[in-house]
N, C-alpha and C. Protein backbone atom coordinates (compact mmCIF):
# COMPACT_ATOMS: atom_id res chain seq x y z
N MET A 1 30.56 14.22 -9.52
CA MET A 1 30.98 14.75 -10.80
C MET A 1 31.93 15.92 -10.57
N ALA A 2 33.00 15.97 -11.29
CA ALA A 2 34.03 16.97 -11.08
C ALA A 2 33.63 18.35 -11.55
N ASN A 3 32.88 18.44 -12.63
CA ASN A 3 32.58 19.75 -13.21
C ASN A 3 31.14 20.18 -12.95
N GLU A 4 30.63 19.92 -11.73
CA GLU A 4 29.27 20.36 -11.40
C GLU A 4 29.26 21.88 -11.22
N PRO A 5 28.21 22.54 -11.70
CA PRO A 5 28.13 23.98 -11.52
C PRO A 5 27.89 24.34 -10.06
N GLU A 6 28.40 25.52 -9.65
CA GLU A 6 28.22 25.95 -8.26
C GLU A 6 26.80 26.45 -8.02
N LYS A 7 26.25 27.24 -8.95
CA LYS A 7 24.89 27.75 -8.84
C LYS A 7 24.11 27.33 -10.07
N LEU A 8 22.90 26.86 -9.85
CA LEU A 8 22.08 26.40 -10.96
C LEU A 8 20.62 26.75 -10.67
N ARG A 9 19.98 27.41 -11.63
CA ARG A 9 18.58 27.80 -11.50
C ARG A 9 17.68 26.57 -11.61
N ILE A 10 16.54 26.61 -10.92
CA ILE A 10 15.61 25.48 -10.94
C ILE A 10 15.03 25.24 -12.33
N ASP A 11 14.73 26.30 -13.08
CA ASP A 11 14.17 26.10 -14.42
C ASP A 11 15.17 25.41 -15.34
N LYS A 12 16.44 25.79 -15.24
CA LYS A 12 17.46 25.17 -16.06
C LYS A 12 17.68 23.71 -15.64
N TYR A 13 17.63 23.44 -14.34
CA TYR A 13 17.81 22.09 -13.83
C TYR A 13 16.68 21.16 -14.31
N LEU A 14 15.43 21.63 -14.19
CA LEU A 14 14.29 20.80 -14.61
C LEU A 14 14.33 20.52 -16.11
N TRP A 15 14.82 21.47 -16.88
CA TRP A 15 14.97 21.26 -18.32
C TRP A 15 16.10 20.27 -18.60
N SER A 16 17.21 20.40 -17.88
CA SER A 16 18.36 19.55 -18.16
C SER A 16 18.14 18.09 -17.75
N ILE A 17 17.31 17.84 -16.72
CA ILE A 17 17.04 16.44 -16.35
C ILE A 17 15.82 15.89 -17.10
N ARG A 18 15.34 16.65 -18.05
CA ARG A 18 14.31 16.21 -18.99
C ARG A 18 12.91 16.09 -18.38
N ILE A 19 12.61 16.88 -17.36
CA ILE A 19 11.26 16.92 -16.82
C ILE A 19 10.38 17.73 -17.78
N PHE A 20 10.94 18.84 -18.28
CA PHE A 20 10.24 19.68 -19.24
C PHE A 20 10.98 19.67 -20.57
N LYS A 21 10.22 19.80 -21.65
CA LYS A 21 10.77 19.72 -23.00
C LYS A 21 11.62 20.95 -23.34
N THR A 22 11.19 22.11 -22.86
CA THR A 22 11.95 23.34 -23.12
C THR A 22 12.18 24.07 -21.80
N ARG A 23 13.17 24.93 -21.80
CA ARG A 23 13.45 25.70 -20.59
C ARG A 23 12.35 26.73 -20.34
N SER A 24 11.75 27.25 -21.40
CA SER A 24 10.66 28.21 -21.22
C SER A 24 9.43 27.55 -20.58
N LEU A 25 9.17 26.28 -20.88
CA LEU A 25 8.08 25.56 -20.22
C LEU A 25 8.37 25.38 -18.73
N ALA A 26 9.62 25.11 -18.40
CA ALA A 26 10.02 24.98 -17.00
C ALA A 26 9.86 26.32 -16.28
N THR A 27 10.23 27.40 -16.94
CA THR A 27 10.10 28.74 -16.36
C THR A 27 8.63 29.08 -16.11
N GLU A 28 7.78 28.78 -17.10
CA GLU A 28 6.34 29.04 -16.96
C GLU A 28 5.74 28.23 -15.82
N ALA A 29 6.17 26.98 -15.68
CA ALA A 29 5.65 26.13 -14.60
C ALA A 29 6.02 26.71 -13.23
N CYS A 30 7.23 27.23 -13.11
CA CYS A 30 7.64 27.85 -11.84
C CYS A 30 6.81 29.11 -11.57
N LYS A 31 6.63 29.93 -12.58
CA LYS A 31 5.86 31.17 -12.41
C LYS A 31 4.41 30.88 -12.07
N ALA A 32 3.87 29.78 -12.60
CA ALA A 32 2.46 29.43 -12.37
C ALA A 32 2.25 28.70 -11.04
N GLY A 33 3.33 28.42 -10.32
CA GLY A 33 3.20 27.76 -9.02
C GLY A 33 3.07 26.26 -9.11
N ARG A 34 3.53 25.66 -10.19
CA ARG A 34 3.43 24.21 -10.35
C ARG A 34 4.71 23.49 -9.92
N VAL A 35 5.70 24.25 -9.44
CA VAL A 35 6.92 23.68 -8.90
C VAL A 35 7.03 24.17 -7.46
N LYS A 36 7.10 23.21 -6.52
CA LYS A 36 7.09 23.58 -5.10
C LYS A 36 8.23 22.92 -4.34
N LEU A 37 8.72 23.64 -3.33
CA LEU A 37 9.72 23.12 -2.42
C LEU A 37 9.13 23.26 -1.02
N ASN A 38 8.93 22.16 -0.33
CA ASN A 38 8.30 22.15 1.01
C ASN A 38 6.95 22.85 1.00
N GLY A 39 6.17 22.67 -0.04
CA GLY A 39 4.84 23.24 -0.14
C GLY A 39 4.81 24.70 -0.55
N GLN A 40 5.96 25.31 -0.75
CA GLN A 40 6.05 26.72 -1.14
C GLN A 40 6.37 26.85 -2.62
N ASN A 41 5.68 27.77 -3.30
CA ASN A 41 6.00 28.05 -4.70
C ASN A 41 7.40 28.65 -4.76
N ILE A 42 8.12 28.30 -5.83
CA ILE A 42 9.45 28.86 -6.00
C ILE A 42 9.57 29.56 -7.34
N LYS A 43 10.44 30.55 -7.40
CA LYS A 43 10.65 31.32 -8.62
C LYS A 43 11.59 30.55 -9.54
N PRO A 44 11.56 30.87 -10.85
CA PRO A 44 12.45 30.18 -11.79
C PRO A 44 13.93 30.40 -11.49
N SER A 45 14.26 31.48 -10.78
CA SER A 45 15.66 31.79 -10.48
C SER A 45 16.15 31.13 -9.19
N TYR A 46 15.29 30.35 -8.53
CA TYR A 46 15.68 29.70 -7.27
C TYR A 46 16.90 28.81 -7.52
N VAL A 47 17.87 28.85 -6.60
CA VAL A 47 19.09 28.07 -6.75
C VAL A 47 18.87 26.66 -6.19
N VAL A 48 19.14 25.67 -7.03
CA VAL A 48 18.95 24.26 -6.68
C VAL A 48 20.08 23.82 -5.76
N LYS A 49 19.71 23.02 -4.75
CA LYS A 49 20.71 22.45 -3.84
C LYS A 49 20.55 20.93 -3.83
N ILE A 50 21.67 20.24 -3.73
CA ILE A 50 21.62 18.78 -3.64
C ILE A 50 20.93 18.41 -2.32
N GLY A 51 19.98 17.48 -2.40
CA GLY A 51 19.23 17.06 -1.22
C GLY A 51 17.84 17.67 -1.14
N ASP A 52 17.53 18.64 -2.01
CA ASP A 52 16.19 19.23 -2.04
C ASP A 52 15.21 18.27 -2.70
N THR A 53 13.94 18.36 -2.29
CA THR A 53 12.88 17.55 -2.89
C THR A 53 11.83 18.50 -3.44
N TYR A 54 11.56 18.40 -4.73
CA TYR A 54 10.61 19.29 -5.41
C TYR A 54 9.36 18.51 -5.83
N ALA A 55 8.20 19.15 -5.66
CA ALA A 55 6.94 18.60 -6.15
C ALA A 55 6.59 19.35 -7.42
N ILE A 56 6.41 18.63 -8.50
CA ILE A 56 6.20 19.23 -9.82
C ILE A 56 4.89 18.72 -10.39
N GLN A 57 4.07 19.64 -10.88
CA GLN A 57 2.83 19.25 -11.55
C GLN A 57 2.95 19.65 -13.02
N LYS A 58 2.74 18.67 -13.87
CA LYS A 58 2.87 18.87 -15.32
C LYS A 58 1.61 18.32 -15.96
N GLY A 59 0.62 19.19 -16.18
CA GLY A 59 -0.67 18.73 -16.68
C GLY A 59 -1.35 17.91 -15.61
N LEU A 60 -1.77 16.69 -15.93
CA LEU A 60 -2.38 15.79 -14.95
C LEU A 60 -1.33 15.06 -14.12
N GLU A 61 -0.13 15.02 -14.64
CA GLU A 61 0.94 14.25 -14.01
C GLU A 61 1.57 15.02 -12.84
N ARG A 62 1.81 14.31 -11.74
CA ARG A 62 2.51 14.89 -10.59
C ARG A 62 3.77 14.08 -10.34
N LYS A 63 4.87 14.78 -10.08
CA LYS A 63 6.14 14.12 -9.81
C LYS A 63 6.75 14.69 -8.54
N VAL A 64 7.46 13.84 -7.82
CA VAL A 64 8.26 14.27 -6.68
C VAL A 64 9.70 13.90 -7.02
N VAL A 65 10.57 14.91 -7.09
CA VAL A 65 11.94 14.72 -7.55
C VAL A 65 12.91 15.10 -6.44
N PHE A 66 13.85 14.20 -6.11
CA PHE A 66 14.90 14.45 -5.13
C PHE A 66 16.19 14.70 -5.89
N VAL A 67 16.87 15.80 -5.60
CA VAL A 67 18.09 16.20 -6.31
C VAL A 67 19.28 15.42 -5.76
N THR A 68 19.96 14.66 -6.64
CA THR A 68 21.15 13.93 -6.23
C THR A 68 22.42 14.51 -6.84
N GLY A 69 22.26 15.36 -7.86
CA GLY A 69 23.41 16.00 -8.49
C GLY A 69 22.93 17.16 -9.34
N LEU A 70 23.86 18.07 -9.65
CA LEU A 70 23.51 19.24 -10.46
C LEU A 70 23.94 19.01 -11.89
N LEU A 71 23.07 19.40 -12.80
CA LEU A 71 23.31 19.19 -14.23
C LEU A 71 22.85 20.44 -14.95
N ASP A 72 23.78 21.15 -15.62
CA ASP A 72 23.39 22.42 -16.25
C ASP A 72 23.21 22.31 -17.76
N LYS A 73 23.54 21.17 -18.35
CA LYS A 73 23.34 20.98 -19.79
C LYS A 73 22.43 19.80 -20.00
N ARG A 74 21.57 19.90 -21.00
CA ARG A 74 20.64 18.81 -21.30
C ARG A 74 21.40 17.64 -21.90
N VAL A 75 21.15 16.45 -21.34
CA VAL A 75 21.82 15.25 -21.80
C VAL A 75 20.78 14.18 -22.11
N ASP A 76 21.24 13.02 -22.56
CA ASP A 76 20.29 11.94 -22.87
C ASP A 76 19.64 11.44 -21.59
N ALA A 77 18.52 10.75 -21.72
CA ALA A 77 17.70 10.33 -20.59
C ALA A 77 18.46 9.40 -19.64
N LYS A 78 19.28 8.50 -20.17
CA LYS A 78 20.02 7.56 -19.32
C LYS A 78 21.00 8.29 -18.41
N THR A 79 21.63 9.34 -18.92
CA THR A 79 22.56 10.12 -18.12
C THR A 79 21.81 11.01 -17.14
N ALA A 80 20.68 11.58 -17.56
CA ALA A 80 19.92 12.50 -16.71
C ALA A 80 19.39 11.81 -15.46
N ILE A 81 19.07 10.52 -15.54
CA ILE A 81 18.53 9.78 -14.40
C ILE A 81 19.50 9.76 -13.23
N MET A 82 20.80 9.87 -13.50
CA MET A 82 21.80 9.82 -12.44
C MET A 82 21.80 11.10 -11.59
N PHE A 83 21.14 12.15 -12.02
CA PHE A 83 21.17 13.43 -11.32
C PHE A 83 19.91 13.71 -10.51
N TYR A 84 18.96 12.79 -10.48
CA TYR A 84 17.77 12.95 -9.65
C TYR A 84 17.20 11.58 -9.30
N GLU A 85 16.35 11.58 -8.29
CA GLU A 85 15.68 10.35 -7.86
C GLU A 85 14.18 10.63 -7.90
N ASP A 86 13.44 9.80 -8.62
CA ASP A 86 11.99 9.98 -8.72
C ASP A 86 11.33 9.36 -7.50
N ARG A 87 10.76 10.19 -6.64
CA ARG A 87 10.11 9.72 -5.42
C ARG A 87 8.59 9.90 -5.47
N THR A 88 8.04 9.85 -6.68
CA THR A 88 6.61 9.97 -6.85
C THR A 88 5.91 8.77 -6.22
N PRO A 89 4.89 9.01 -5.37
CA PRO A 89 4.17 7.88 -4.77
C PRO A 89 3.56 6.98 -5.83
N VAL A 90 3.55 5.69 -5.57
CA VAL A 90 3.05 4.70 -6.53
C VAL A 90 1.59 4.96 -6.87
N GLU A 91 0.79 5.37 -5.86
CA GLU A 91 -0.63 5.62 -6.11
C GLU A 91 -0.84 6.71 -7.16
N GLU A 92 -0.03 7.75 -7.10
CA GLU A 92 -0.18 8.84 -8.07
C GLU A 92 0.28 8.42 -9.45
N THR A 93 1.31 7.60 -9.52
CA THR A 93 1.80 7.12 -10.81
C THR A 93 0.72 6.30 -11.51
N TYR A 94 0.10 5.36 -10.78
CA TYR A 94 -0.94 4.53 -11.38
C TYR A 94 -2.21 5.32 -11.62
N GLY A 95 -2.50 6.29 -10.77
CA GLY A 95 -3.69 7.13 -10.95
C GLY A 95 -3.61 7.91 -12.24
N PHE A 96 -2.44 8.42 -12.55
CA PHE A 96 -2.24 9.17 -13.79
C PHE A 96 -2.42 8.27 -15.00
N LYS A 97 -1.88 7.08 -14.93
CA LYS A 97 -1.97 6.16 -16.07
C LYS A 97 -3.39 5.64 -16.27
N SER A 98 -4.16 5.47 -15.19
CA SER A 98 -5.50 4.91 -15.31
C SER A 98 -6.46 5.87 -16.00
N VAL A 99 -6.15 7.16 -16.00
CA VAL A 99 -7.01 8.14 -16.66
C VAL A 99 -7.10 7.83 -18.16
N PHE A 100 -6.01 7.35 -18.73
CA PHE A 100 -5.98 7.10 -20.16
C PHE A 100 -6.67 5.79 -20.54
N HIS A 101 -6.83 4.89 -19.58
CA HIS A 101 -7.43 3.60 -19.87
C HIS A 101 -8.89 3.52 -19.47
N ALA A 102 -9.42 4.57 -18.90
CA ALA A 102 -10.82 4.58 -18.46
C ALA A 102 -11.73 4.74 -19.68
N PRO A 103 -12.81 3.97 -19.74
CA PRO A 103 -13.74 4.12 -20.86
C PRO A 103 -14.47 5.46 -20.77
N ILE A 104 -14.80 6.00 -21.90
CA ILE A 104 -15.48 7.29 -21.96
C ILE A 104 -16.99 7.05 -21.99
N LEU A 105 -17.69 7.65 -21.04
CA LEU A 105 -19.14 7.50 -20.97
C LEU A 105 -19.78 8.68 -21.70
N LYS A 106 -19.88 8.53 -23.01
CA LYS A 106 -20.43 9.61 -23.81
C LYS A 106 -21.18 8.99 -24.99
N ARG A 107 -22.35 9.51 -25.26
CA ARG A 107 -23.13 9.01 -26.39
C ARG A 107 -23.01 9.98 -27.54
N ASP A 108 -23.07 9.45 -28.74
CA ASP A 108 -23.00 10.30 -29.92
C ASP A 108 -24.25 11.17 -30.02
N ARG A 109 -24.07 12.34 -30.52
CA ARG A 109 -25.17 13.28 -30.67
C ARG A 109 -26.14 12.75 -31.74
N GLY A 110 -27.41 12.82 -31.45
CA GLY A 110 -28.41 12.41 -32.42
C GLY A 110 -28.78 10.94 -32.35
N THR A 111 -28.25 10.19 -31.40
CA THR A 111 -28.59 8.77 -31.32
C THR A 111 -29.85 8.54 -30.50
N GLY A 112 -30.38 9.56 -29.91
CA GLY A 112 -31.62 9.43 -29.15
C GLY A 112 -31.38 8.95 -27.74
N ARG A 113 -32.48 8.64 -27.06
CA ARG A 113 -32.38 8.17 -25.69
C ARG A 113 -31.83 6.76 -25.67
N PRO A 114 -31.12 6.41 -24.58
CA PRO A 114 -30.62 5.04 -24.50
C PRO A 114 -31.77 4.04 -24.33
N THR A 115 -31.62 2.89 -24.94
CA THR A 115 -32.62 1.84 -24.77
C THR A 115 -32.45 1.22 -23.39
N LYS A 116 -33.40 0.33 -23.03
CA LYS A 116 -33.30 -0.33 -21.74
C LYS A 116 -31.99 -1.13 -21.62
N LYS A 117 -31.62 -1.77 -22.72
CA LYS A 117 -30.39 -2.55 -22.75
C LYS A 117 -29.18 -1.63 -22.57
N ASP A 118 -29.17 -0.50 -23.29
CA ASP A 118 -28.07 0.47 -23.15
C ASP A 118 -27.97 0.96 -21.71
N ARG A 119 -29.12 1.25 -21.12
CA ARG A 119 -29.16 1.76 -19.75
C ARG A 119 -28.57 0.75 -18.77
N ARG A 120 -28.92 -0.53 -18.95
CA ARG A 120 -28.38 -1.57 -18.07
C ARG A 120 -26.86 -1.69 -18.22
N GLU A 121 -26.36 -1.60 -19.46
CA GLU A 121 -24.92 -1.66 -19.70
C GLU A 121 -24.21 -0.49 -19.05
N ILE A 122 -24.82 0.68 -19.12
CA ILE A 122 -24.24 1.86 -18.48
C ILE A 122 -24.20 1.68 -16.97
N ASP A 123 -25.29 1.19 -16.39
CA ASP A 123 -25.35 0.96 -14.96
C ASP A 123 -24.32 -0.09 -14.52
N ASP A 124 -24.17 -1.17 -15.30
CA ASP A 124 -23.18 -2.19 -14.98
C ASP A 124 -21.77 -1.61 -15.01
N LEU A 125 -21.51 -0.78 -15.98
CA LEU A 125 -20.20 -0.16 -16.11
C LEU A 125 -19.91 0.77 -14.94
N LYS A 126 -20.92 1.54 -14.54
CA LYS A 126 -20.74 2.46 -13.42
C LYS A 126 -20.58 1.73 -12.10
N SER A 127 -21.14 0.57 -11.95
CA SER A 127 -21.03 -0.18 -10.70
C SER A 127 -19.77 -1.04 -10.64
N SER A 128 -18.97 -1.05 -11.69
CA SER A 128 -17.74 -1.84 -11.70
C SER A 128 -16.71 -1.22 -10.75
N ASP A 129 -15.65 -1.97 -10.45
CA ASP A 129 -14.64 -1.57 -9.46
C ASP A 129 -13.93 -0.27 -9.82
N TRP A 130 -13.53 -0.09 -11.06
CA TRP A 130 -12.75 1.10 -11.41
C TRP A 130 -13.55 2.36 -11.20
N TRP A 131 -14.88 2.32 -11.43
CA TRP A 131 -15.70 3.52 -11.28
C TRP A 131 -15.75 3.93 -9.81
N GLU A 132 -15.85 2.94 -8.91
CA GLU A 132 -15.90 3.23 -7.48
C GLU A 132 -14.60 3.87 -7.01
N GLU A 133 -13.46 3.41 -7.54
CA GLU A 133 -12.16 3.96 -7.15
C GLU A 133 -12.01 5.40 -7.63
N GLU A 134 -12.50 5.71 -8.83
CA GLU A 134 -12.33 7.04 -9.40
C GLU A 134 -13.23 8.06 -8.73
N ASN A 135 -14.46 7.68 -8.35
CA ASN A 135 -15.41 8.66 -7.80
C ASN A 135 -15.59 8.52 -6.33
């Protein structure tokens, strides 16, 4: 790209490639140590370089982002993809998604003790494959 900026802060870069919704959220993530370069926490003012790989934690989601270009203005998602490469391991991507599809093992308050049938269903559910993978 001809008009790439010479210096670009990490918080502005993460906002412009649409990792974070606002620049202040990107700044807070850097200050809280949720953005790392080679295992080291980085400040929001850190200067981004092409070829760097950043590990970003956003809630339960973890991403590994490789910088392929510098982008200082927020653009649409299709354009933003050209400025980074998502190198998040497949296991972590599916692990994050499976959290939302896991059944919730919780009984309503006031329903009393589980019956024998309820207990067997709970035991069957806990012995299923997904439970073994999670715990």
